[in-house]
Amino acid sequence: MSDDIVLTPKTKIKPKIDKPRLYKVILFNDDYTPREFVIMILQAVFRTGESAGYHIMITAHRKGSCVVAVYARDIAETKVKEAMDYAKDAGFPLMFTAEPEE
């Protein structure tokens, strides 16, 4: 008798890892915050250029709100807090929110 051992390859199981849910940062228009200040916040916090900052600001002005950027949840919430803290320190009611992307 022969003692042949038959080896079968092991099946590799890869766990399915979901990507983290993304959140969109939304800028809301108000009638009190100067346009130049909004553009400055967009450049300082969200690293937009002057032209992109202007387009985001004017879109929010015309439509009431505008998506600024999309980030992971913790980054989005941090940027919203930072932008609103700048506005509050300057005495403006500028409003940003972070909402889950659909």
PDB file of N, CA and C in Angstrom:
ATOM      1  N   MET A   1       0.812  -1.172   0.000  1.00  0.00           N
ATOM      2  CA  MET A   1       0.000   0.000   0.000  1.00  0.00           C
ATOM      3  C   MET A   1       0.860   1.240   0.000  1.00  0.00           C
ATOM      4  N   SER A   2       0.359   2.221  -0.661  1.00  0.00           N
ATOM      5  CA  SER A   2       1.128   3.447  -0.689  1.00  0.00           C
ATOM      6  C   SER A   2       0.434   4.475   0.188  1.00  0.00           C
ATOM      7  N   ASP A   3       1.220   5.249   0.866  1.00  0.00           N
ATOM      8  CA  ASP A   3       0.675   6.280   1.762  1.00  0.00           C
ATOM      9  C   ASP A   3       0.732   7.648   1.075  1.00  0.00           C
ATOM     10  N   ASP A   4       0.100   7.751  -0.055  1.00  0.00           N
ATOM     11  CA  ASP A   4       0.065   9.030  -0.776  1.00  0.00           C
ATOM     12  C   ASP A   4      -0.920   9.971  -0.088  1.00  0.00           C
ATOM     13  N   ILE A   5      -0.452  11.129   0.186  1.00  0.00           N
ATOM     14  CA  ILE A   5      -1.309  12.147   0.807  1.00  0.00           C
ATOM     15  C   ILE A   5      -1.684  13.144  -0.275  1.00  0.00           C
ATOM     16  N   VAL A   6      -2.944  13.328  -0.430  1.00  0.00           N
ATOM     17  CA  VAL A   6      -3.441  14.276  -1.426  1.00  0.00           C
ATOM     18  C   VAL A   6      -3.683  15.605  -0.719  1.00  0.00           C
ATOM     19  N   LEU A   7      -2.987  16.623  -1.182  1.00  0.00           N
ATOM     20  CA  LEU A   7      -3.144  17.952  -0.590  1.00  0.00           C
ATOM     21  C   LEU A   7      -4.110  18.755  -1.447  1.00  0.00           C
ATOM     22  N   THR A   8      -5.062  19.339  -0.822  1.00  0.00           N
ATOM     23  CA  THR A   8      -5.974  20.215  -1.550  1.00  0.00           C
ATOM     24  C   THR A   8      -5.637  21.649  -1.176  1.00  0.00           C
ATOM     25  N   PRO A   9      -5.678  22.534  -2.159  1.00  0.00           N
ATOM     26  CA  PRO A   9      -5.339  23.921  -1.849  1.00  0.00           C
ATOM     27  C   PRO A   9      -6.371  24.528  -0.892  1.00  0.00           C
ATOM     28  N   LYS A  10      -5.867  25.341   0.013  1.00  0.00           N
ATOM     29  CA  LYS A  10      -6.756  26.001   0.965  1.00  0.00           C
ATOM     30  C   LYS A  10      -7.435  27.185   0.281  1.00  0.00           C
ATOM     31  N   THR A  11      -8.664  27.354   0.593  1.00  0.00           N
ATOM     32  CA  THR A  11      -9.408  28.475   0.051  1.00  0.00           C
ATOM     33  C   THR A  11      -9.093  29.707   0.883  1.00  0.00           C
ATOM     34  N   LYS A  12      -8.696  30.757   0.190  1.00  0.00           N
ATOM     35  CA  LYS A  12      -8.418  32.007   0.894  1.00  0.00           C
ATOM     36  C   LYS A  12      -9.714  32.806   1.002  1.00  0.00           C
ATOM     37  N   ILE A  13      -9.980  33.241   2.191  1.00  0.00           N
ATOM     38  CA  ILE A  13     -11.179  34.038   2.425  1.00  0.00           C
ATOM     39  C   ILE A  13     -10.737  35.462   2.725  1.00  0.00           C
ATOM     40  N   LYS A  14     -11.209  36.353   1.890  1.00  0.00           N
ATOM     41  CA  LYS A  14     -10.909  37.768   2.102  1.00  0.00           C
ATOM     42  C   LYS A  14     -12.145  38.432   2.698  1.00  0.00           C
ATOM     43  N   PRO A  15     -11.998  39.046   3.837  1.00  0.00           N
ATOM     44  CA  PRO A  15     -13.162  39.747   4.401  1.00  0.00           C
ATOM     45  C   PRO A  15     -13.481  40.967   3.542  1.00  0.00           C
ATOM     46  N   LYS A  16     -14.758  41.176   3.345  1.00  0.00           N
ATOM     47  CA  LYS A  16     -15.180  42.335   2.561  1.00  0.00           C
ATOM     48  C   LYS A  16     -15.137  43.561   3.456  1.00  0.00           C
ATOM     49  N   ILE A  17     -14.368  44.530   3.046  1.00  0.00           N
ATOM     50  CA  ILE A  17     -14.216  45.758   3.823  1.00  0.00           C
ATOM     51  C   ILE A  17     -14.938  46.875   3.082  1.00  0.00           C
ATOM     52  N   ASP A  18     -15.909  47.450   3.752  1.00  0.00           N
ATOM     53  CA  ASP A  18     -16.639  48.563   3.152  1.00  0.00           C
ATOM     54  C   ASP A  18     -15.813  49.834   3.259  1.00  0.00           C
ATOM     55  N   LYS A  19     -15.910  50.641   2.227  1.00  0.00           N
ATOM     56  CA  LYS A  19     -15.239  51.938   2.262  1.00  0.00           C
ATOM     57  C   LYS A  19     -15.990  52.836   3.242  1.00  0.00           C
ATOM     58  N   PRO A  20     -15.273  53.742   3.889  1.00  0.00           N
ATOM     59  CA  PRO A  20     -15.971  54.639   4.824  1.00  0.00           C
ATOM     60  C   PRO A  20     -16.955  55.533   4.077  1.00  0.00           C
ATOM     61  N   ARG A  21     -18.059  55.813   4.721  1.00  0.00           N
ATOM     62  CA  ARG A  21     -19.074  56.674   4.120  1.00  0.00           C
ATOM     63  C   ARG A  21     -18.532  58.090   4.011  1.00  0.00           C
ATOM     64  N   LEU A  22     -18.793  58.726   2.900  1.00  0.00           N
ATOM     65  CA  LEU A  22     -18.310  60.082   2.678  1.00  0.00           C
ATOM     66  C   LEU A  22     -19.383  61.099   3.069  1.00  0.00           C
ATOM     67  N   TYR A  23     -18.904  62.260   3.472  1.00  0.00           N
ATOM     68  CA  TYR A  23     -19.793  63.350   3.887  1.00  0.00           C
ATOM     69  C   TYR A  23     -19.499  64.588   3.058  1.00  0.00           C
ATOM     70  N   LYS A  24     -20.557  65.254   2.629  1.00  0.00           N
ATOM     71  CA  LYS A  24     -20.386  66.489   1.862  1.00  0.00           C
ATOM     72  C   LYS A  24     -20.518  67.684   2.796  1.00  0.00           C
ATOM     73  N   VAL A  25     -19.623  68.626   2.614  1.00  0.00           N
ATOM     74  CA  VAL A  25     -19.658  69.868   3.387  1.00  0.00           C
ATOM     75  C   VAL A  25     -20.459  70.870   2.565  1.00  0.00           C
ATOM     76  N   ILE A  26     -21.488  71.437   3.186  1.00  0.00           N
ATOM     77  CA  ILE A  26     -22.397  72.355   2.494  1.00  0.00           C
ATOM     78  C   ILE A  26     -22.291  73.747   3.098  1.00  0.00           C
ATOM     79  N   LEU A  27     -22.164  74.727   2.210  1.00  0.00           N
ATOM     80  CA  LEU A  27     -22.156  76.142   2.586  1.00  0.00           C
ATOM     81  C   LEU A  27     -23.541  76.712   2.334  1.00  0.00           C
ATOM     82  N   PHE A  28     -24.089  77.423   3.339  1.00  0.00           N
ATOM     83  CA  PHE A  28     -25.396  78.056   3.197  1.00  0.00           C
ATOM     84  C   PHE A  28     -25.230  79.563   3.047  1.00  0.00           C
ATOM     85  N   ASN A  29     -26.063  80.141   2.222  1.00  0.00           N
ATOM     86  CA  ASN A  29     -26.025  81.576   1.992  1.00  0.00           C
ATOM     87  C   ASN A  29     -26.675  82.315   3.160  1.00  0.00           C
ATOM     88  N   ASP A  30     -26.142  83.478   3.470  1.00  0.00           N
ATOM     89  CA  ASP A  30     -26.805  84.388   4.401  1.00  0.00           C
ATOM     90  C   ASP A  30     -26.629  85.804   3.860  1.00  0.00           C
ATOM     91  N   ASP A  31     -27.401  86.721   4.386  1.00  0.00           N
ATOM     92  CA  ASP A  31     -27.383  88.090   3.871  1.00  0.00           C
ATOM     93  C   ASP A  31     -26.454  89.016   4.643  1.00  0.00           C
ATOM     94  N   TYR A  32     -25.647  88.463   5.560  1.00  0.00           N
ATOM     95  CA  TYR A  32     -24.824  89.308   6.418  1.00  0.00           C
ATOM     96  C   TYR A  32     -23.319  89.130   6.225  1.00  0.00           C
ATOM     97  N   THR A  33     -22.893  87.948   5.863  1.00  0.00           N
ATOM     98  CA  THR A  33     -21.464  87.674   5.737  1.00  0.00           C
ATOM     99  C   THR A  33     -20.955  88.217   4.399  1.00  0.00           C
ATOM    100  N   PRO A  34     -19.916  89.050   4.423  1.00  0.00           N
ATOM    101  CA  PRO A  34     -19.379  89.597   3.173  1.00  0.00           C
ATOM    102  C   PRO A  34     -18.802  88.496   2.269  1.00  0.00           C
ATOM    103  N   ARG A  35     -18.952  88.690   0.974  1.00  0.00           N
ATOM    104  CA  ARG A  35     -18.464  87.718  -0.005  1.00  0.00           C
ATOM    105  C   ARG A  35     -16.967  87.471   0.137  1.00  0.00           C
ATOM    106  N   GLU A  36     -16.216  88.526   0.374  1.00  0.00           N
ATOM    107  CA  GLU A  36     -14.758  88.398   0.481  1.00  0.00           C
ATOM    108  C   GLU A  36     -14.374  87.516   1.673  1.00  0.00           C
ATOM    109  N   PHE A  37     -15.150  87.639   2.763  1.00  0.00           N
ATOM    110  CA  PHE A  37     -14.879  86.822   3.943  1.00  0.00           C
ATOM    111  C   PHE A  37     -15.163  85.345   3.650  1.00  0.00           C
ATOM    112  N   VAL A  38     -16.247  85.063   2.940  1.00  0.00           N
ATOM    113  CA  VAL A  38     -16.593  83.685   2.582  1.00  0.00           C
ATOM    114  C   VAL A  38     -15.484  83.079   1.720  1.00  0.00           C
ATOM    115  N   ILE A  39     -15.012  83.833   0.737  1.00  0.00           N
ATOM    116  CA  ILE A  39     -13.938  83.345  -0.134  1.00  0.00           C
ATOM    117  C   ILE A  39     -12.674  83.098   0.679  1.00  0.00           C
ATOM    118  N   MET A  40     -12.374  83.987   1.621  1.00  0.00           N
ATOM    119  CA  MET A  40     -11.194  83.815   2.471  1.00  0.00           C
ATOM    120  C   MET A  40     -11.296  82.538   3.305  1.00  0.00           C
ATOM    121  N   ILE A  41     -12.482  82.253   3.852  1.00  0.00           N
ATOM    122  CA  ILE A  41     -12.704  81.020   4.627  1.00  0.00           C
ATOM    123  C   ILE A  41     -12.524  79.797   3.729  1.00  0.00           C
ATOM    124  N   LEU A  42     -13.082  79.844   2.536  1.00  0.00           N
ATOM    125  CA  LEU A  42     -12.959  78.712   1.606  1.00  0.00           C
ATOM    126  C   LEU A  42     -11.495  78.450   1.249  1.00  0.00           C
ATOM    127  N   GLN A  43     -10.731  79.507   1.079  1.00  0.00           N
ATOM    128  CA  GLN A  43      -9.312  79.348   0.759  1.00  0.00           C
ATOM    129  C   GLN A  43      -8.524  78.836   1.957  1.00  0.00           C
ATOM    130  N   ALA A  44      -8.805  79.360   3.145  1.00  0.00           N
ATOM    131  CA  ALA A  44      -8.026  79.009   4.332  1.00  0.00           C
ATOM    132  C   ALA A  44      -8.351  77.606   4.848  1.00  0.00           C
ATOM    133  N   VAL A  45      -9.610  77.268   4.913  1.00  0.00           N
ATOM    134  CA  VAL A  45     -10.018  75.998   5.515  1.00  0.00           C
ATOM    135  C   VAL A  45     -10.080  74.868   4.496  1.00  0.00           C
ATOM    136  N   PHE A  46     -10.641  75.151   3.320  1.00  0.00           N
ATOM    137  CA  PHE A  46     -10.878  74.098   2.336  1.00  0.00           C
ATOM    138  C   PHE A  46      -9.848  74.074   1.214  1.00  0.00           C
ATOM    139  N   ARG A  47      -8.870  74.966   1.282  1.00  0.00           N
ATOM    140  CA  ARG A  47      -7.752  75.004   0.328  1.00  0.00           C
ATOM    141  C   ARG A  47      -8.200  75.170  -1.125  1.00  0.00           C
ATOM    142  N   THR A  48      -9.254  75.960  -1.332  1.00  0.00           N
ATOM    143  CA  THR A  48      -9.670  76.253  -2.702  1.00  0.00           C
ATOM    144  C   THR A  48      -8.819  77.404  -3.230  1.00  0.00           C
ATOM    145  N   GLY A  49      -8.742  77.519  -4.512  1.00  0.00           N
ATOM    146  CA  GLY A  49      -8.096  78.682  -5.106  1.00  0.00           C
ATOM    147  C   GLY A  49      -9.072  79.846  -5.064  1.00  0.00           C
ATOM    148  N   GLU A  50      -8.610  81.002  -5.460  1.00  0.00           N
ATOM    149  CA  GLU A  50      -9.484  82.179  -5.432  1.00  0.00           C
ATOM    150  C   GLU A  50     -10.658  82.022  -6.395  1.00  0.00           C
ATOM    151  N   SER A  51     -10.394  81.505  -7.581  1.00  0.00           N
ATOM    152  CA  SER A  51     -11.443  81.315  -8.579  1.00  0.00           C
ATOM    153  C   SER A  51     -12.468  80.278  -8.121  1.00  0.00           C
ATOM    154  N   ALA A  52     -12.006  79.138  -7.614  1.00  0.00           N
ATOM    155  CA  ALA A  52     -12.918  78.090  -7.144  1.00  0.00           C
ATOM    156  C   ALA A  52     -13.717  78.595  -5.944  1.00  0.00           C
ATOM    157  N   GLY A  53     -13.073  79.329  -5.051  1.00  0.00           N
ATOM    158  CA  GLY A  53     -13.761  79.900  -3.899  1.00  0.00           C
ATOM    159  C   GLY A  53     -14.865  80.849  -4.323  1.00  0.00           C
ATOM    160  N   TYR A  54     -14.574  81.665  -5.340  1.00  0.00           N
ATOM    161  CA  TYR A  54     -15.577  82.597  -5.849  1.00  0.00           C
ATOM    162  C   TYR A  54     -16.776  81.840  -6.417  1.00  0.00           C
ATOM    163  N   HIS A  55     -16.510  80.795  -7.197  1.00  0.00           N
ATOM    164  CA  HIS A  55     -17.601  80.033  -7.816  1.00  0.00           C
ATOM    165  C   HIS A  55     -18.456  79.312  -6.773  1.00  0.00           C
ATOM    166  N   ILE A  56     -17.836  78.781  -5.738  1.00  0.00           N
ATOM    167  CA  ILE A  56     -18.592  78.133  -4.660  1.00  0.00           C
ATOM    168  C   ILE A  56     -19.452  79.169  -3.942  1.00  0.00           C
ATOM    169  N   MET A  57     -18.858  80.313  -3.626  1.00  0.00           N
ATOM    170  CA  MET A  57     -19.582  81.373  -2.922  1.00  0.00           C
ATOM    171  C   MET A  57     -20.756  81.883  -3.753  1.00  0.00           C
ATOM    172  N   ILE A  58     -20.546  82.109  -5.034  1.00  0.00           N
ATOM    173  CA  ILE A  58     -21.606  82.682  -5.880  1.00  0.00           C
ATOM    174  C   ILE A  58     -22.720  81.662  -6.116  1.00  0.00           C
ATOM    175  N   THR A  59     -22.374  80.383  -6.178  1.00  0.00           N
ATOM    176  CA  THR A  59     -23.394  79.339  -6.314  1.00  0.00           C
ATOM    177  C   THR A  59     -24.267  79.288  -5.070  1.00  0.00           C
ATOM    178  N   ALA A  60     -23.645  79.349  -3.899  1.00  0.00           N
ATOM    179  CA  ALA A  60     -24.412  79.371  -2.648  1.00  0.00           C
ATOM    180  C   ALA A  60     -25.278  80.630  -2.580  1.00  0.00           C
ATOM    181  N   HIS A  61     -24.754  81.749  -3.047  1.00  0.00           N
ATOM    182  CA  HIS A  61     -25.491  83.011  -3.041  1.00  0.00           C
ATOM    183  C   HIS A  61     -26.734  82.915  -3.927  1.00  0.00           C
ATOM    184  N   ARG A  62     -26.581  82.338  -5.095  1.00  0.00           N
ATOM    185  CA  ARG A  62     -27.689  82.257  -6.059  1.00  0.00           C
ATOM    186  C   ARG A  62     -28.688  81.150  -5.737  1.00  0.00           C
ATOM    187  N   LYS A  63     -28.206  80.002  -5.252  1.00  0.00           N
ATOM    188  CA  LYS A  63     -29.086  78.852  -5.052  1.00  0.00           C
ATOM    189  C   LYS A  63     -29.462  78.611  -3.589  1.00  0.00           C
ATOM    190  N   GLY A  64     -28.819  79.322  -2.670  1.00  0.00           N
ATOM    191  CA  GLY A  64     -29.125  79.150  -1.256  1.00  0.00           C
ATOM    192  C   GLY A  64     -28.142  78.257  -0.523  1.00  0.00           C
ATOM    193  N   SER A  65     -27.529  77.309  -1.239  1.00  0.00           N
ATOM    194  CA  SER A  65     -26.513  76.444  -0.645  1.00  0.00           C
ATOM    195  C   SER A  65     -25.670  75.832  -1.750  1.00  0.00           C
ATOM    196  N   CYS A  66     -24.508  75.299  -1.352  1.00  0.00           N
ATOM    197  CA  CYS A  66     -23.589  74.721  -2.337  1.00  0.00           C
ATOM    198  C   CYS A  66     -22.683  73.713  -1.631  1.00  0.00           C
ATOM    199  N   VAL A  67     -22.410  72.595  -2.310  1.00  0.00           N
ATOM    200  CA  VAL A  67     -21.470  71.626  -1.771  1.00  0.00           C
ATOM    201  C   VAL A  67     -20.063  72.176  -1.969  1.00  0.00           C
ATOM    202  N   VAL A  68     -19.312  72.261  -0.889  1.00  0.00           N
ATOM    203  CA  VAL A  68     -17.948  72.778  -0.938  1.00  0.00           C
ATOM    204  C   VAL A  68     -16.976  71.665  -1.309  1.00  0.00           C
ATOM    205  N   ALA A  69     -17.079  70.526  -0.600  1.00  0.00           N
ATOM    206  CA  ALA A  69     -16.171  69.400  -0.819  1.00  0.00           C
ATOM    207  C   ALA A  69     -16.767  68.157  -0.178  1.00  0.00           C
ATOM    208  N   VAL A  70     -16.158  67.001  -0.482  1.00  0.00           N
ATOM    209  CA  VAL A  70     -16.598  65.728   0.080  1.00  0.00           C
ATOM    210  C   VAL A  70     -15.405  65.076   0.774  1.00  0.00           C
ATOM    211  N   TYR A  71     -15.616  64.675   2.032  1.00  0.00           N
ATOM    212  CA  TYR A  71     -14.539  64.104   2.850  1.00  0.00           C
ATOM    213  C   TYR A  71     -15.059  62.915   3.647  1.00  0.00           C
ATOM    214  N   ALA A  72     -14.138  62.219   4.308  1.00  0.00           N
ATOM    215  CA  ALA A  72     -14.518  61.243   5.315  1.00  0.00           C
ATOM    216  C   ALA A  72     -15.173  62.007   6.466  1.00  0.00           C
ATOM    217  N   ARG A  73     -15.968  61.316   7.267  1.00  0.00           N
ATOM    218  CA  ARG A  73     -16.778  61.984   8.293  1.00  0.00           C
ATOM    219  C   ARG A  73     -15.972  62.861   9.244  1.00  0.00           C
ATOM    220  N   ASP A  74     -14.898  62.339   9.818  1.00  0.00           N
ATOM    221  CA  ASP A  74     -14.154  63.118  10.807  1.00  0.00           C
ATOM    222  C   ASP A  74     -13.513  64.349  10.205  1.00  0.00           C
ATOM    223  N   ILE A  75     -13.034  64.240   8.982  1.00  0.00           N
ATOM    224  CA  ILE A  75     -12.422  65.398   8.314  1.00  0.00           C
ATOM    225  C   ILE A  75     -13.488  66.441   8.008  1.00  0.00           C
ATOM    226  N   ALA A  76     -14.638  66.002   7.496  1.00  0.00           N
ATOM    227  CA  ALA A  76     -15.729  66.930   7.170  1.00  0.00           C
ATOM    228  C   ALA A  76     -16.181  67.691   8.413  1.00  0.00           C
ATOM    229  N   GLU A  77     -16.374  66.967   9.512  1.00  0.00           N
ATOM    230  CA  GLU A  77     -16.828  67.628  10.741  1.00  0.00           C
ATOM    231  C   GLU A  77     -15.785  68.594  11.289  1.00  0.00           C
ATOM    232  N   THR A  78     -14.519  68.239  11.169  1.00  0.00           N
ATOM    233  CA  THR A  78     -13.445  69.124  11.625  1.00  0.00           C
ATOM    234  C   THR A  78     -13.407  70.404  10.805  1.00  0.00           C
ATOM    235  N   LYS A  79     -13.538  70.278   9.496  1.00  0.00           N
ATOM    236  CA  LYS A  79     -13.497  71.459   8.624  1.00  0.00           C
ATOM    237  C   LYS A  79     -14.710  72.359   8.864  1.00  0.00           C
ATOM    238  N   VAL A  80     -15.881  71.764   9.075  1.00  0.00           N
ATOM    239  CA  VAL A  80     -17.082  72.548   9.372  1.00  0.00           C
ATOM    240  C   VAL A  80     -16.875  73.341  10.660  1.00  0.00           C
ATOM    241  N   LYS A  81     -16.373  72.678  11.697  1.00  0.00           N
ATOM    242  CA  LYS A  81     -16.147  73.357  12.978  1.00  0.00           C
ATOM    243  C   LYS A  81     -15.126  74.479  12.827  1.00  0.00           C
ATOM    244  N   GLU A  82     -14.034  74.216  12.115  1.00  0.00           N
ATOM    245  CA  GLU A  82     -12.995  75.224  11.929  1.00  0.00           C
ATOM    246  C   GLU A  82     -13.541  76.445  11.191  1.00  0.00           C
ATOM    247  N   ALA A  83     -14.281  76.219  10.112  1.00  0.00           N
ATOM    248  CA  ALA A  83     -14.834  77.330   9.325  1.00  0.00           C
ATOM    249  C   ALA A  83     -15.835  78.137  10.145  1.00  0.00           C
ATOM    250  N   MET A  84     -16.697  77.450  10.881  1.00  0.00           N
ATOM    251  CA  MET A  84     -17.696  78.168  11.675  1.00  0.00           C
ATOM    252  C   MET A  84     -17.068  78.897  12.853  1.00  0.00           C
ATOM    253  N   ASP A  85     -15.974  78.357  13.404  1.00  0.00           N
ATOM    254  CA  ASP A  85     -15.257  79.062  14.480  1.00  0.00           C
ATOM    255  C   ASP A  85     -14.652  80.366  13.970  1.00  0.00           C
ATOM    256  N   TYR A  86     -14.058  80.333  12.771  1.00  0.00           N
ATOM    257  CA  TYR A  86     -13.517  81.562  12.164  1.00  0.00           C
ATOM    258  C   TYR A  86     -14.624  82.597  11.995  1.00  0.00           C
ATOM    259  N   ALA A  87     -15.761  82.153  11.472  1.00  0.00           N
ATOM    260  CA  ALA A  87     -16.872  83.076  11.233  1.00  0.00           C
ATOM    261  C   ALA A  87     -17.405  83.643  12.547  1.00  0.00           C
ATOM    262  N   LYS A  88     -17.531  82.794  13.549  1.00  0.00           N
ATOM    263  CA  LYS A  88     -18.040  83.242  14.852  1.00  0.00           C
ATOM    264  C   LYS A  88     -17.090  84.258  15.482  1.00  0.00           C
ATOM    265  N   ASP A  89     -15.785  83.984  15.392  1.00  0.00           N
ATOM    266  CA  ASP A  89     -14.795  84.916  15.946  1.00  0.00           C
ATOM    267  C   ASP A  89     -14.847  86.268  15.249  1.00  0.00           C
ATOM    268  N   ALA A  90     -15.203  86.268  13.963  1.00  0.00           N
ATOM    269  CA  ALA A  90     -15.299  87.524  13.214  1.00  0.00           C
ATOM    270  C   ALA A  90     -16.674  88.172  13.356  1.00  0.00           C
ATOM    271  N   GLY A  91     -17.616  87.479  14.001  1.00  0.00           N
ATOM    272  CA  GLY A  91     -18.942  88.053  14.232  1.00  0.00           C
ATOM    273  C   GLY A  91     -19.907  87.843  13.085  1.00  0.00           C
ATOM    274  N   PHE A  92     -19.691  86.823  12.263  1.00  0.00           N
ATOM    275  CA  PHE A  92     -20.577  86.562  11.127  1.00  0.00           C
ATOM    276  C   PHE A  92     -21.345  85.265  11.335  1.00  0.00           C
ATOM    277  N   PRO A  93     -22.595  85.205  10.815  1.00  0.00           N
ATOM    278  CA  PRO A  93     -23.424  84.007  10.987  1.00  0.00           C
ATOM    279  C   PRO A  93     -23.238  82.962   9.880  1.00  0.00           C
ATOM    280  N   LEU A  94     -22.046  82.860   9.338  1.00  0.00           N
ATOM    281  CA  LEU A  94     -21.786  81.921   8.253  1.00  0.00           C
ATOM    282  C   LEU A  94     -22.083  80.501   8.710  1.00  0.00           C
ATOM    283  N   MET A  95     -22.756  79.712   7.851  1.00  0.00           N
ATOM    284  CA  MET A  95     -23.189  78.381   8.239  1.00  0.00           C
ATOM    285  C   MET A  95     -22.696  77.316   7.281  1.00  0.00           C
ATOM    286  N   PHE A  96     -22.076  76.273   7.843  1.00  0.00           N
ATOM    287  CA  PHE A  96     -21.664  75.091   7.113  1.00  0.00           C
ATOM    288  C   PHE A  96     -22.260  73.880   7.823  1.00  0.00           C
ATOM    289  N   THR A  97     -22.525  72.807   7.079  1.00  0.00           N
ATOM    290  CA  THR A  97     -22.935  71.543   7.675  1.00  0.00           C
ATOM    291  C   THR A  97     -22.222  70.403   6.930  1.00  0.00           C
ATOM    292  N   ALA A  98     -22.178  69.238   7.579  1.00  0.00           N
ATOM    293  CA  ALA A  98     -21.663  68.030   6.965  1.00  0.00           C
ATOM    294  C   ALA A  98     -22.801  67.021   6.923  1.00  0.00           C
ATOM    295  N   GLU A  99     -23.143  66.541   5.720  1.00  0.00           N
ATOM    296  CA  GLU A  99     -24.226  65.591   5.549  1.00  0.00           C
ATOM    297  C   GLU A  99     -23.721  64.362   4.821  1.00  0.00           C
ATOM    298  N   PRO A 100     -24.264  63.182   5.136  1.00  0.00           N
ATOM    299  CA  PRO A 100     -23.821  61.971   4.435  1.00  0.00           C
ATOM    300  C   PRO A 100     -24.117  62.059   2.944  1.00  0.00           C
ATOM    301  N   GLU A 101     -23.178  61.578   2.158  1.00  0.00           N
ATOM    302  CA  GLU A 101     -23.363  61.560   0.717  1.00  0.00           C
ATOM    303  C   GLU A 101     -24.235  60.360   0.380  1.00  0.00           C
ATOM    304  N   GLU A 102     -25.113  60.526  -0.567  1.00  0.00           N
ATOM    305  CA  GLU A 102     -26.036  59.447  -0.924  1.00  0.00           C
ATOM    306  C   GLU A 102     -25.485  58.527  -1.957  1.00  0.00           C
TER     307      GLU A 102
END
